[in-house]
Amino acid sequence: MNAVPQLVFVCGREPDYVRNAMIARTLAQHYPTDLIVDSRRGSLSLRLARLAPRLLRRLRRAHDLIVVGFYGHPLVLLARRFSRAPILFDPFVSTYDTLAGDRGRVAEGSLAARA
């Protein structure tokens, strides 16, 4: 680890969402932090497709910690595959809670909700 840790912050949705913004701002105030975010509208799939190459490029350079904010579930898998650095994941809510509870897109307790 460097004398001053090099951090990477990435989030899958809404970088201006108060929780993501607070984490990113606090990290950047105290440590050199590369922010990898996408503020453009669009589906989660499109946003992740835009974020993934940027995250992979950044992970080629030295870093000591990857901080993954909301909604970063798929990004954790990518970071884990391409980095040996520790990952701090702040999911806020689970995918299950989002799809079954909040949005009602799948029935609570169903196979789709548990997948």
PDB file of N, CA and C in Angstrom:
ATOM      1  N   MET A   1       0.850  -1.180   0.000  1.00  0.00           N
ATOM      2  CA  MET A   1       0.000   0.000   0.000  1.00  0.00           C
ATOM      3  C   MET A   1       0.891   1.237   0.000  1.00  0.00           C
ATOM      4  N   ASN A   2       0.470   2.231  -0.740  1.00  0.00           N
ATOM      5  CA  ASN A   2       1.193   3.503  -0.783  1.00  0.00           C
ATOM      6  C   ASN A   2       1.079   4.215   0.565  1.00  0.00           C
ATOM      7  N   ALA A   3       1.961   5.195   0.792  1.00  0.00           N
ATOM      8  CA  ALA A   3       1.874   6.002   2.009  1.00  0.00           C
ATOM      9  C   ALA A   3       0.515   6.694   2.089  1.00  0.00           C
ATOM     10  N   VAL A   4       0.043   7.194   0.961  1.00  0.00           N
ATOM     11  CA  VAL A   4      -1.294   7.778   0.869  1.00  0.00           C
ATOM     12  C   VAL A   4      -2.111   6.846  -0.021  1.00  0.00           C
ATOM     13  N   PRO A   5      -3.161   6.216   0.514  1.00  0.00           N
ATOM     14  CA  PRO A   5      -3.923   5.249  -0.277  1.00  0.00           C
ATOM     15  C   PRO A   5      -4.556   5.885  -1.513  1.00  0.00           C
ATOM     16  N   GLN A   6      -4.506   5.158  -2.608  1.00  0.00           N
ATOM     17  CA  GLN A   6      -5.139   5.565  -3.862  1.00  0.00           C
ATOM     18  C   GLN A   6      -6.483   4.852  -3.948  1.00  0.00           C
ATOM     19  N   LEU A   7      -7.574   5.610  -4.004  1.00  0.00           N
ATOM     20  CA  LEU A   7      -8.911   5.034  -3.992  1.00  0.00           C
ATOM     21  C   LEU A   7      -9.592   5.174  -5.341  1.00  0.00           C
ATOM     22  N   VAL A   8     -10.487   4.233  -5.593  1.00  0.00           N
ATOM     23  CA  VAL A   8     -11.356   4.280  -6.763  1.00  0.00           C
ATOM     24  C   VAL A   8     -12.782   4.196  -6.233  1.00  0.00           C
ATOM     25  N   PHE A   9     -13.636   5.149  -6.628  1.00  0.00           N
ATOM     26  CA  PHE A   9     -15.053   5.110  -6.266  1.00  0.00           C
ATOM     27  C   PHE A   9     -15.860   4.932  -7.535  1.00  0.00           C
ATOM     28  N   VAL A  10     -16.771   3.961  -7.524  1.00  0.00           N
ATOM     29  CA  VAL A  10     -17.640   3.720  -8.671  1.00  0.00           C
ATOM     30  C   VAL A  10     -19.044   3.423  -8.159  1.00  0.00           C
ATOM     31  N   CYS A  11     -20.039   3.919  -8.887  1.00  0.00           N
ATOM     32  CA  CYS A  11     -21.425   3.598  -8.546  1.00  0.00           C
ATOM     33  C   CYS A  11     -22.198   3.372  -9.833  1.00  0.00           C
ATOM     34  N   GLY A  12     -23.171   2.496  -9.769  1.00  0.00           N
ATOM     35  CA  GLY A  12     -23.924   2.126 -10.961  1.00  0.00           C
ATOM     36  C   GLY A  12     -25.068   3.061 -11.293  1.00  0.00           C
ATOM     37  N   ARG A  13     -25.563   3.781 -10.313  1.00  0.00           N
ATOM     38  CA  ARG A  13     -26.696   4.669 -10.552  1.00  0.00           C
ATOM     39  C   ARG A  13     -26.543   5.951  -9.762  1.00  0.00           C
ATOM     40  N   GLU A  14     -27.122   6.978 -10.283  1.00  0.00           N
ATOM     41  CA  GLU A  14     -27.323   8.253  -9.603  1.00  0.00           C
ATOM     42  C   GLU A  14     -26.163   8.713  -8.721  1.00  0.00           C
ATOM     43  N   PRO A  15     -25.094   9.191  -9.349  1.00  0.00           N
ATOM     44  CA  PRO A  15     -23.980   9.688  -8.538  1.00  0.00           C
ATOM     45  C   PRO A  15     -24.370  10.888  -7.676  1.00  0.00           C
ATOM     46  N   ASP A  16     -25.467  11.570  -8.037  1.00  0.00           N
ATOM     47  CA  ASP A  16     -25.910  12.704  -7.226  1.00  0.00           C
ATOM     48  C   ASP A  16     -26.885  12.275  -6.123  1.00  0.00           C
ATOM     49  N   TYR A  17     -27.223  10.995  -6.080  1.00  0.00           N
ATOM     50  CA  TYR A  17     -28.018  10.454  -4.983  1.00  0.00           C
ATOM     51  C   TYR A  17     -27.252  10.742  -3.699  1.00  0.00           C
ATOM     52  N   VAL A  18     -27.932  11.200  -2.671  1.00  0.00           N
ATOM     53  CA  VAL A  18     -27.259  11.746  -1.492  1.00  0.00           C
ATOM     54  C   VAL A  18     -26.251  10.765  -0.883  1.00  0.00           C
ATOM     55  N   ARG A  19     -26.566   9.506  -0.847  1.00  0.00           N
ATOM     56  CA  ARG A  19     -25.641   8.536  -0.238  1.00  0.00           C
ATOM     57  C   ARG A  19     -24.364   8.404  -1.066  1.00  0.00           C
ATOM     58  N   ASN A  20     -24.504   8.269  -2.399  1.00  0.00           N
ATOM     59  CA  ASN A  20     -23.328   8.190  -3.275  1.00  0.00           C
ATOM     60  C   ASN A  20     -22.524   9.483  -3.223  1.00  0.00           C
ATOM     61  N   ALA A  21     -23.206  10.607  -3.290  1.00  0.00           N
ATOM     62  CA  ALA A  21     -22.521  11.906  -3.293  1.00  0.00           C
ATOM     63  C   ALA A  21     -21.757  12.129  -1.993  1.00  0.00           C
ATOM     64  N   MET A  22     -22.359  11.757  -0.877  1.00  0.00           N
ATOM     65  CA  MET A  22     -21.714  11.938   0.422  1.00  0.00           C
ATOM     66  C   MET A  22     -20.455  11.073   0.534  1.00  0.00           C
ATOM     67  N   ILE A  23     -20.547   9.823   0.113  1.00  0.00           N
ATOM     68  CA  ILE A  23     -19.386   8.927   0.180  1.00  0.00           C
ATOM     69  C   ILE A  23     -18.275   9.438  -0.732  1.00  0.00           C
ATOM     70  N   ALA A  24     -18.621   9.771  -1.974  1.00  0.00           N
ATOM     71  CA  ALA A  24     -17.614  10.245  -2.933  1.00  0.00           C
ATOM     72  C   ALA A  24     -16.942  11.523  -2.439  1.00  0.00           C
ATOM     73  N   ARG A  25     -17.732  12.455  -1.939  1.00  0.00           N
ATOM     74  CA  ARG A  25     -17.187  13.726  -1.455  1.00  0.00           C
ATOM     75  C   ARG A  25     -16.265  13.512  -0.251  1.00  0.00           C
ATOM     76  N   THR A  26     -16.682  12.674   0.675  1.00  0.00           N
ATOM     77  CA  THR A  26     -15.872  12.419   1.867  1.00  0.00           C
ATOM     78  C   THR A  26     -14.559  11.738   1.507  1.00  0.00           C
ATOM     79  N   LEU A  27     -14.615  10.745   0.635  1.00  0.00           N
ATOM     80  CA  LEU A  27     -13.383  10.078   0.207  1.00  0.00           C
ATOM     81  C   LEU A  27     -12.433  11.072  -0.459  1.00  0.00           C
ATOM     82  N   ALA A  28     -12.980  11.874  -1.380  1.00  0.00           N
ATOM     83  CA  ALA A  28     -12.147  12.816  -2.140  1.00  0.00           C
ATOM     84  C   ALA A  28     -11.540  13.899  -1.242  1.00  0.00           C
ATOM     85  N   GLN A  29     -12.199  14.235  -0.145  1.00  0.00           N
ATOM     86  CA  GLN A  29     -11.659  15.237   0.780  1.00  0.00           C
ATOM     87  C   GLN A  29     -10.441  14.722   1.538  1.00  0.00           C
ATOM     88  N   HIS A  30     -10.356  13.414   1.711  1.00  0.00           N
ATOM     89  CA  HIS A  30      -9.309  12.853   2.564  1.00  0.00           C
ATOM     90  C   HIS A  30      -8.251  12.030   1.836  1.00  0.00           C
ATOM     91  N   TYR A  31      -8.560  11.559   0.634  1.00  0.00           N
ATOM     92  CA  TYR A  31      -7.629  10.690  -0.100  1.00  0.00           C
ATOM     93  C   TYR A  31      -7.698  10.998  -1.588  1.00  0.00           C
ATOM     94  N   PRO A  32      -6.612  10.732  -2.314  1.00  0.00           N
ATOM     95  CA  PRO A  32      -6.695  10.824  -3.773  1.00  0.00           C
ATOM     96  C   PRO A  32      -7.703   9.771  -4.260  1.00  0.00           C
ATOM     97  N   THR A  33      -8.771  10.233  -4.891  1.00  0.00           N
ATOM     98  CA  THR A  33      -9.854   9.332  -5.286  1.00  0.00           C
ATOM     99  C   THR A  33     -10.243   9.598  -6.727  1.00  0.00           C
ATOM    100  N   ASP A  34     -10.232   8.549  -7.535  1.00  0.00           N
ATOM    101  CA  ASP A  34     -10.756   8.645  -8.894  1.00  0.00           C
ATOM    102  C   ASP A  34     -12.226   8.281  -8.852  1.00  0.00           C
ATOM    103  N   LEU A  35     -13.076   9.195  -9.303  1.00  0.00           N
ATOM    104  CA  LEU A  35     -14.516   8.967  -9.334  1.00  0.00           C
ATOM    105  C   LEU A  35     -14.899   8.446 -10.707  1.00  0.00           C
ATOM    106  N   ILE A  36     -15.529   7.291 -10.735  1.00  0.00           N
ATOM    107  CA  ILE A  36     -15.993   6.712 -11.988  1.00  0.00           C
ATOM    108  C   ILE A  36     -17.507   6.636 -11.887  1.00  0.00           C
ATOM    109  N   VAL A  37     -18.163   7.615 -12.496  1.00  0.00           N
ATOM    110  CA  VAL A  37     -19.616   7.720 -12.408  1.00  0.00           C
ATOM    111  C   VAL A  37     -20.171   8.056 -13.784  1.00  0.00           C
ATOM    112  N   ASP A  38     -21.468   7.837 -13.938  1.00  0.00           N
ATOM    113  CA  ASP A  38     -22.154   8.158 -15.186  1.00  0.00           C
ATOM    114  C   ASP A  38     -23.485   8.806 -14.825  1.00  0.00           C
ATOM    115  N   SER A  39     -23.617  10.086 -15.113  1.00  0.00           N
ATOM    116  CA  SER A  39     -24.818  10.837 -14.757  1.00  0.00           C
ATOM    117  C   SER A  39     -25.896  10.790 -15.830  1.00  0.00           C
ATOM    118  N   ARG A  40     -25.571  10.212 -16.984  1.00  0.00           N
ATOM    119  CA  ARG A  40     -26.545  10.211 -18.076  1.00  0.00           C
ATOM    120  C   ARG A  40     -27.726   9.295 -17.775  1.00  0.00           C
ATOM    121  N   ARG A  41     -28.853   9.665 -18.327  1.00  0.00           N
ATOM    122  CA  ARG A  41     -30.061   8.858 -18.171  1.00  0.00           C
ATOM    123  C   ARG A  41     -29.940   7.605 -19.024  1.00  0.00           C
ATOM    124  N   GLY A  42     -30.813   6.675 -18.762  1.00  0.00           N
ATOM    125  CA  GLY A  42     -30.832   5.441 -19.531  1.00  0.00           C
ATOM    126  C   GLY A  42     -30.979   4.252 -18.604  1.00  0.00           C
ATOM    127  N   SER A  43     -31.106   3.111 -19.211  1.00  0.00           N
ATOM    128  CA  SER A  43     -31.299   1.899 -18.426  1.00  0.00           C
ATOM    129  C   SER A  43     -30.034   1.566 -17.647  1.00  0.00           C
ATOM    130  N   LEU A  44     -30.202   0.763 -16.641  1.00  0.00           N
ATOM    131  CA  LEU A  44     -29.060   0.321 -15.847  1.00  0.00           C
ATOM    132  C   LEU A  44     -28.073  -0.435 -16.726  1.00  0.00           C
ATOM    133  N   SER A  45     -28.572  -1.237 -17.646  1.00  0.00           N
ATOM    134  CA  SER A  45     -27.691  -2.002 -18.539  1.00  0.00           C
ATOM    135  C   SER A  45     -26.811  -1.074 -19.366  1.00  0.00           C
ATOM    136  N   LEU A  46     -27.387  -0.024 -19.918  1.00  0.00           N
ATOM    137  CA  LEU A  46     -26.595   0.930 -20.706  1.00  0.00           C
ATOM    138  C   LEU A  46     -25.588   1.671 -19.832  1.00  0.00           C
ATOM    139  N   ARG A  47     -26.010   2.061 -18.663  1.00  0.00           N
ATOM    140  CA  ARG A  47     -25.110   2.778 -17.759  1.00  0.00           C
ATOM    141  C   ARG A  47     -23.932   1.883 -17.367  1.00  0.00           C
ATOM    142  N   LEU A  48     -24.207   0.621 -17.056  1.00  0.00           N
ATOM    143  CA  LEU A  48     -23.134  -0.309 -16.701  1.00  0.00           C
ATOM    144  C   LEU A  48     -22.213  -0.567 -17.885  1.00  0.00           C
ATOM    145  N   ALA A  49     -22.783  -0.617 -19.082  1.00  0.00           N
ATOM    146  CA  ALA A  49     -21.958  -0.808 -20.285  1.00  0.00           C
ATOM    147  C   ALA A  49     -21.027   0.386 -20.506  1.00  0.00           C
ATOM    148  N   ARG A  50     -21.456   1.574 -20.120  1.00  0.00           N
ATOM    149  CA  ARG A  50     -20.586   2.751 -20.236  1.00  0.00           C
ATOM    150  C   ARG A  50     -19.552   2.795 -19.112  1.00  0.00           C
ATOM    151  N   LEU A  51     -19.922   2.331 -17.931  1.00  0.00           N
ATOM    152  CA  LEU A  51     -19.016   2.375 -16.782  1.00  0.00           C
ATOM    153  C   LEU A  51     -17.933   1.302 -16.833  1.00  0.00           C
ATOM    154  N   ALA A  52     -18.274   0.117 -17.300  1.00  0.00           N
ATOM    155  CA  ALA A  52     -17.348  -1.024 -17.245  1.00  0.00           C
ATOM    156  C   ALA A  52     -16.001  -0.739 -17.903  1.00  0.00           C
ATOM    157  N   PRO A  53     -15.954  -0.219 -19.142  1.00  0.00           N
ATOM    158  CA  PRO A  53     -14.637   0.042 -19.744  1.00  0.00           C
ATOM    159  C   PRO A  53     -13.830   1.087 -18.974  1.00  0.00           C
ATOM    160  N   ARG A  54     -14.509   2.085 -18.432  1.00  0.00           N
ATOM    161  CA  ARG A  54     -13.804   3.112 -17.662  1.00  0.00           C
ATOM    162  C   ARG A  54     -13.222   2.521 -16.380  1.00  0.00           C
ATOM    163  N   LEU A  55     -14.000   1.669 -15.718  1.00  0.00           N
ATOM    164  CA  LEU A  55     -13.508   1.028 -14.504  1.00  0.00           C
ATOM    165  C   LEU A  55     -12.321   0.120 -14.823  1.00  0.00           C
ATOM    166  N   LEU A  56     -12.425  -0.658 -15.883  1.00  0.00           N
ATOM    167  CA  LEU A  56     -11.330  -1.565 -16.249  1.00  0.00           C
ATOM    168  C   LEU A  56     -10.052  -0.798 -16.576  1.00  0.00           C
ATOM    169  N   ARG A  57     -10.185   0.317 -17.299  1.00  0.00           N
ATOM    170  CA  ARG A  57      -9.001   1.143 -17.593  1.00  0.00           C
ATOM    171  C   ARG A  57      -8.371   1.661 -16.306  1.00  0.00           C
ATOM    172  N   ARG A  58      -9.197   2.115 -15.377  1.00  0.00           N
ATOM    173  CA  ARG A  58      -8.674   2.662 -14.118  1.00  0.00           C
ATOM    174  C   ARG A  58      -8.012   1.585 -13.271  1.00  0.00           C
ATOM    175  N   LEU A  59      -8.529   0.385 -13.303  1.00  0.00           N
ATOM    176  CA  LEU A  59      -7.975  -0.685 -12.476  1.00  0.00           C
ATOM    177  C   LEU A  59      -6.604  -1.145 -12.952  1.00  0.00           C
ATOM    178  N   ARG A  60      -6.207  -0.746 -14.145  1.00  0.00           N
ATOM    179  CA  ARG A  60      -4.860  -1.073 -14.635  1.00  0.00           C
ATOM    180  C   ARG A  60      -3.789  -0.266 -13.900  1.00  0.00           C
ATOM    181  N   ARG A  61      -4.181   0.875 -13.350  1.00  0.00           N
ATOM    182  CA  ARG A  61      -3.236   1.713 -12.602  1.00  0.00           C
ATOM    183  C   ARG A  61      -3.292   1.344 -11.117  1.00  0.00           C
ATOM    184  N   ALA A  62      -2.273   1.771 -10.386  1.00  0.00           N
ATOM    185  CA  ALA A  62      -2.184   1.434  -8.961  1.00  0.00           C
ATOM    186  C   ALA A  62      -3.391   1.971  -8.188  1.00  0.00           C
ATOM    187  N   HIS A  63      -3.891   1.154  -7.306  1.00  0.00           N
ATOM    188  CA  HIS A  63      -4.984   1.543  -6.417  1.00  0.00           C
ATOM    189  C   HIS A  63      -4.939   0.632  -5.191  1.00  0.00           C
ATOM    190  N   ASP A  64      -5.389   1.155  -4.076  1.00  0.00           N
ATOM    191  CA  ASP A  64      -5.332   0.414  -2.819  1.00  0.00           C
ATOM    192  C   ASP A  64      -6.694  -0.046  -2.321  1.00  0.00           C
ATOM    193  N   LEU A  65      -7.743   0.614  -2.770  1.00  0.00           N
ATOM    194  CA  LEU A  65      -9.087   0.274  -2.320  1.00  0.00           C
ATOM    195  C   LEU A  65     -10.076   0.681  -3.400  1.00  0.00           C
ATOM    196  N   ILE A  66     -11.073  -0.178  -3.613  1.00  0.00           N
ATOM    197  CA  ILE A  66     -12.173   0.135  -4.527  1.00  0.00           C
ATOM    198  C   ILE A  66     -13.424   0.288  -3.668  1.00  0.00           C
ATOM    199  N   VAL A  67     -14.071   1.430  -3.775  1.00  0.00           N
ATOM    200  CA  VAL A  67     -15.309   1.679  -3.045  1.00  0.00           C
ATOM    201  C   VAL A  67     -16.437   1.662  -4.068  1.00  0.00           C
ATOM    202  N   VAL A  68     -17.401   0.780  -3.844  1.00  0.00           N
ATOM    203  CA  VAL A  68     -18.515   0.619  -4.775  1.00  0.00           C
ATOM    204  C   VAL A  68     -19.786   1.070  -4.071  1.00  0.00           C
ATOM    205  N   GLY A  69     -20.436   2.083  -4.650  1.00  0.00           N
ATOM    206  CA  GLY A  69     -21.663   2.621  -4.068  1.00  0.00           C
ATOM    207  C   GLY A  69     -22.899   2.028  -4.714  1.00  0.00           C
ATOM    208  N   PHE A  70     -24.023   2.681  -4.471  1.00  0.00           N
ATOM    209  CA  PHE A  70     -25.309   2.236  -5.001  1.00  0.00           C
ATOM    210  C   PHE A  70     -25.380   2.534  -6.491  1.00  0.00           C
ATOM    211  N   TYR A  71     -25.897   1.837  -7.268  1.00  0.00           N
ATOM    212  CA  TYR A  71     -26.228   0.447  -7.390  1.00  0.00           C
ATOM    213  C   TYR A  71     -25.036  -0.244  -8.021  1.00  0.00           C
ATOM    214  N   GLY A  72     -24.230  -0.901  -7.221  1.00  0.00           N
ATOM    215  CA  GLY A  72     -22.972  -1.430  -7.716  1.00  0.00           C
ATOM    216  C   GLY A  72     -22.843  -2.931  -7.699  1.00  0.00           C
ATOM    217  N   HIS A  73     -23.937  -3.637  -7.498  1.00  0.00           N
ATOM    218  CA  HIS A  73     -23.872  -5.094  -7.408  1.00  0.00           C
ATOM    219  C   HIS A  73     -23.090  -5.717  -8.570  1.00  0.00           C
ATOM    220  N   PRO A  74     -23.403  -5.395  -9.838  1.00  0.00           N
ATOM    221  CA  PRO A  74     -22.635  -5.983 -10.950  1.00  0.00           C
ATOM    222  C   PRO A  74     -21.190  -5.474 -11.003  1.00  0.00           C
ATOM    223  N   LEU A  75     -20.959  -4.269 -10.537  1.00  0.00           N
ATOM    224  CA  LEU A  75     -19.615  -3.692 -10.573  1.00  0.00           C
ATOM    225  C   LEU A  75     -18.676  -4.367  -9.577  1.00  0.00           C
ATOM    226  N   VAL A  76     -19.220  -4.881  -8.484  1.00  0.00           N
ATOM    227  CA  VAL A  76     -18.402  -5.618  -7.520  1.00  0.00           C
ATOM    228  C   VAL A  76     -17.803  -6.845  -8.194  1.00  0.00           C
ATOM    229  N   LEU A  77     -18.611  -7.554  -8.969  1.00  0.00           N
ATOM    230  CA  LEU A  77     -18.124  -8.751  -9.666  1.00  0.00           C
ATOM    231  C   LEU A  77     -17.004  -8.397 -10.630  1.00  0.00           C
ATOM    232  N   LEU A  78     -17.178  -7.313 -11.352  1.00  0.00           N
ATOM    233  CA  LEU A  78     -16.160  -6.868 -12.307  1.00  0.00           C
ATOM    234  C   LEU A  78     -14.871  -6.464 -11.582  1.00  0.00           C
ATOM    235  N   ALA A  79     -15.007  -5.688 -10.534  1.00  0.00           N
ATOM    236  CA  ALA A  79     -13.837  -5.243  -9.777  1.00  0.00           C
ATOM    237  C   ALA A  79     -13.098  -6.433  -9.166  1.00  0.00           C
ATOM    238  N   ARG A  80     -13.845  -7.382  -8.649  1.00  0.00           N
ATOM    239  CA  ARG A  80     -13.223  -8.550  -8.024  1.00  0.00           C
ATOM    240  C   ARG A  80     -12.429  -9.368  -9.048  1.00  0.00           C
ATOM    241  N   ARG A  81     -12.959  -9.447 -10.251  1.00  0.00           N
ATOM    242  CA  ARG A  81     -12.311 -10.239 -11.308  1.00  0.00           C
ATOM    243  C   ARG A  81     -11.015  -9.595 -11.779  1.00  0.00           C
ATOM    244  N   PHE A  82     -10.953  -8.273 -11.804  1.00  0.00           N
ATOM    245  CA  PHE A  82      -9.819  -7.578 -12.416  1.00  0.00           C
ATOM    246  C   PHE A  82      -8.925  -6.825 -11.430  1.00  0.00           C
ATOM    247  N   SER A  83      -9.138  -7.017 -10.144  1.00  0.00           N
ATOM    248  CA  SER A  83      -8.300  -6.337  -9.155  1.00  0.00           C
ATOM    249  C   SER A  83      -8.109  -7.228  -7.935  1.00  0.00           C
ATOM    250  N   ARG A  84      -6.963  -7.068  -7.317  1.00  0.00           N
ATOM    251  CA  ARG A  84      -6.703  -7.772  -6.055  1.00  0.00           C
ATOM    252  C   ARG A  84      -6.898  -6.851  -4.854  1.00  0.00           C
ATOM    253  N   ALA A  85      -7.204  -5.606  -5.115  1.00  0.00           N
ATOM    254  CA  ALA A  85      -7.402  -4.647  -4.023  1.00  0.00           C
ATOM    255  C   ALA A  85      -8.683  -4.984  -3.255  1.00  0.00           C
ATOM    256  N   PRO A  86      -8.728  -4.625  -1.985  1.00  0.00           N
ATOM    257  CA  PRO A  86      -9.962  -4.815  -1.222  1.00  0.00           C
ATOM    258  C   PRO A  86     -11.093  -3.980  -1.821  1.00  0.00           C
ATOM    259  N   ILE A  87     -12.305  -4.489  -1.652  1.00  0.00           N
ATOM    260  CA  ILE A  87     -13.499  -3.796  -2.142  1.00  0.00           C
ATOM    261  C   ILE A  87     -14.390  -3.482  -0.945  1.00  0.00           C
ATOM    262  N   LEU A  88     -14.765  -2.222  -0.828  1.00  0.00           N
ATOM    263  CA  LEU A  88     -15.729  -1.794   0.182  1.00  0.00           C
ATOM    264  C   LEU A  88     -17.033  -1.529  -0.564  1.00  0.00           C
ATOM    265  N   PHE A  89     -18.049  -2.329  -0.292  1.00  0.00           N
ATOM    266  CA  PHE A  89     -19.311  -2.251  -1.024  1.00  0.00           C
ATOM    267  C   PHE A  89     -20.398  -1.694  -0.114  1.00  0.00           C
ATOM    268  N   ASP A  90     -21.018  -0.603  -0.548  1.00  0.00           N
ATOM    269  CA  ASP A  90     -22.131   0.005   0.174  1.00  0.00           C
ATOM    270  C   ASP A  90     -23.381  -0.130  -0.696  1.00  0.00           C
ATOM    271  N   PRO A  91     -24.073  -1.271  -0.627  1.00  0.00           N
ATOM    272  CA  PRO A  91     -25.196  -1.499  -1.531  1.00  0.00           C
ATOM    273  C   PRO A  91     -26.449  -0.711  -1.179  1.00  0.00           C
ATOM    274  N   PHE A  92     -26.574  -0.235   0.037  1.00  0.00           N
ATOM    275  CA  PHE A  92     -27.735   0.470   0.560  1.00  0.00           C
ATOM    276  C   PHE A  92     -28.940  -0.462   0.651  1.00  0.00           C
ATOM    277  N   VAL A  93     -29.401  -0.997  -0.473  1.00  0.00           N
ATOM    278  CA  VAL A  93     -30.493  -1.977  -0.477  1.00  0.00           C
ATOM    279  C   VAL A  93     -30.102  -3.121  -1.401  1.00  0.00           C
ATOM    280  N   SER A  94     -30.747  -4.254  -1.194  1.00  0.00           N
ATOM    281  CA  SER A  94     -30.469  -5.409  -2.044  1.00  0.00           C
ATOM    282  C   SER A  94     -31.271  -5.323  -3.339  1.00  0.00           C
ATOM    283  N   THR A  95     -30.845  -6.083  -4.318  1.00  0.00           N
ATOM    284  CA  THR A  95     -31.593  -6.175  -5.570  1.00  0.00           C
ATOM    285  C   THR A  95     -32.985  -6.736  -5.288  1.00  0.00           C
ATOM    286  N   TYR A  96     -33.066  -7.698  -4.395  1.00  0.00           N
ATOM    287  CA  TYR A  96     -34.353  -8.278  -4.009  1.00  0.00           C
ATOM    288  C   TYR A  96     -35.295  -7.191  -3.496  1.00  0.00           C
ATOM    289  N   ASP A  97     -34.819  -6.369  -2.567  1.00  0.00           N
ATOM    290  CA  ASP A  97     -35.664  -5.302  -2.022  1.00  0.00           C
ATOM    291  C   ASP A  97     -36.129  -4.342  -3.108  1.00  0.00           C
ATOM    292  N   THR A  98     -35.235  -4.038  -4.043  1.00  0.00           N
ATOM    293  CA  THR A  98     -35.584  -3.113  -5.116  1.00  0.00           C
ATOM    294  C   THR A  98     -36.635  -3.712  -6.042  1.00  0.00           C
ATOM    295  N   LEU A  99     -36.391  -4.928  -6.538  1.00  0.00           N
ATOM    296  CA  LEU A  99     -37.287  -5.523  -7.534  1.00  0.00           C
ATOM    297  C   LEU A  99     -38.581  -6.059  -6.934  1.00  0.00           C
ATOM    298  N   ALA A 100     -38.512  -6.679  -5.768  1.00  0.00           N
ATOM    299  CA  ALA A 100     -39.707  -7.273  -5.173  1.00  0.00           C
ATOM    300  C   ALA A 100     -40.459  -6.270  -4.300  1.00  0.00           C
ATOM    301  N   GLY A 101     -39.743  -5.591  -3.435  1.00  0.00           N
ATOM    302  CA  GLY A 101     -40.402  -4.688  -2.496  1.00  0.00           C
ATOM    303  C   GLY A 101     -40.773  -3.344  -3.075  1.00  0.00           C
ATOM    304  N   ASP A 102     -39.780  -2.618  -3.587  1.00  0.00           N
ATOM    305  CA  ASP A 102     -40.009  -1.252  -4.054  1.00  0.00           C
ATOM    306  C   ASP A 102     -40.798  -1.183  -5.353  1.00  0.00           C
ATOM    307  N   ARG A 103     -40.370  -1.945  -6.333  1.00  0.00           N
ATOM    308  CA  ARG A 103     -40.957  -1.827  -7.670  1.00  0.00           C
ATOM    309  C   ARG A 103     -42.044  -2.849  -7.967  1.00  0.00           C
ATOM    310  N   GLY A 104     -42.102  -3.913  -7.219  1.00  0.00           N
ATOM    311  CA  GLY A 104     -43.117  -4.940  -7.443  1.00  0.00           C
ATOM    312  C   GLY A 104     -42.993  -5.631  -8.789  1.00  0.00           C
ATOM    313  N   ARG A 105     -41.797  -5.664  -9.345  1.00  0.00           N
ATOM    314  CA  ARG A 105     -41.603  -6.293 -10.666  1.00  0.00           C
ATOM    315  C   ARG A 105     -41.591  -7.809 -10.590  1.00  0.00           C
ATOM    316  N   VAL A 106     -41.247  -8.347  -9.451  1.00  0.00           N
ATOM    317  CA  VAL A 106     -41.292  -9.793  -9.240  1.00  0.00           C
ATOM    318  C   VAL A 106     -41.981 -10.042  -7.906  1.00  0.00           C
ATOM    319  N   ALA A 107     -42.615 -11.199  -7.795  1.00  0.00           N
ATOM    320  CA  ALA A 107     -43.329 -11.532  -6.566  1.00  0.00           C
ATOM    321  C   ALA A 107     -42.337 -11.824  -5.444  1.00  0.00           C
ATOM    322  N   GLU A 108     -42.633 -11.316  -4.266  1.00  0.00           N
ATOM    323  CA  GLU A 108     -41.765 -11.575  -3.120  1.00  0.00           C
ATOM    324  C   GLU A 108     -41.707 -13.074  -2.862  1.00  0.00           C
ATOM    325  N   GLY A 109     -40.503 -13.582  -2.651  1.00  0.00           N
ATOM    326  CA  GLY A 109     -40.309 -14.998  -2.380  1.00  0.00           C
ATOM    327  C   GLY A 109     -40.250 -15.880  -3.614  1.00  0.00           C
ATOM    328  N   SER A 110     -40.509 -15.308  -4.790  1.00  0.00           N
ATOM    329  CA  SER A 110     -40.487 -16.109  -6.021  1.00  0.00           C
ATOM    330  C   SER A 110     -39.057 -16.480  -6.398  1.00  0.00           C
ATOM    331  N   LEU A 111     -38.929 -17.439  -7.309  1.00  0.00           N
ATOM    332  CA  LEU A 111     -37.611 -17.854  -7.784  1.00  0.00           C
ATOM    333  C   LEU A 111     -36.879 -16.678  -8.426  1.00  0.00           C
ATOM    334  N   ALA A 112     -37.596 -15.878  -9.220  1.00  0.00           N
ATOM    335  CA  ALA A 112     -36.980 -14.711  -9.869  1.00  0.00           C
ATOM    336  C   ALA A 112     -36.468 -13.716  -8.828  1.00  0.00           C
ATOM    337  N   ALA A 113     -37.198 -13.534  -7.757  1.00  0.00           N
ATOM    338  CA  ALA A 113     -36.787 -12.586  -6.719  1.00  0.00           C
ATOM    339  C   ALA A 113     -35.558 -13.077  -5.973  1.00  0.00           C
ATOM    340  N   ARG A 114     -35.434 -14.381  -5.835  1.00  0.00           N
ATOM    341  CA  ARG A 114     -34.301 -14.944  -5.089  1.00  0.00           C
ATOM    342  C   ARG A 114     -33.070 -15.139  -5.952  1.00  0.00           C
ATOM    343  N   ALA A 115     -33.208 -15.045  -7.260  1.00  0.00           N
ATOM    344  CA  ALA A 115     -32.070 -15.293  -8.168  1.00  0.00           C
ATOM    345  C   ALA A 115     -31.063 -14.179  -8.114  1.00  0.00           C
TER     346      ALA A 115
END
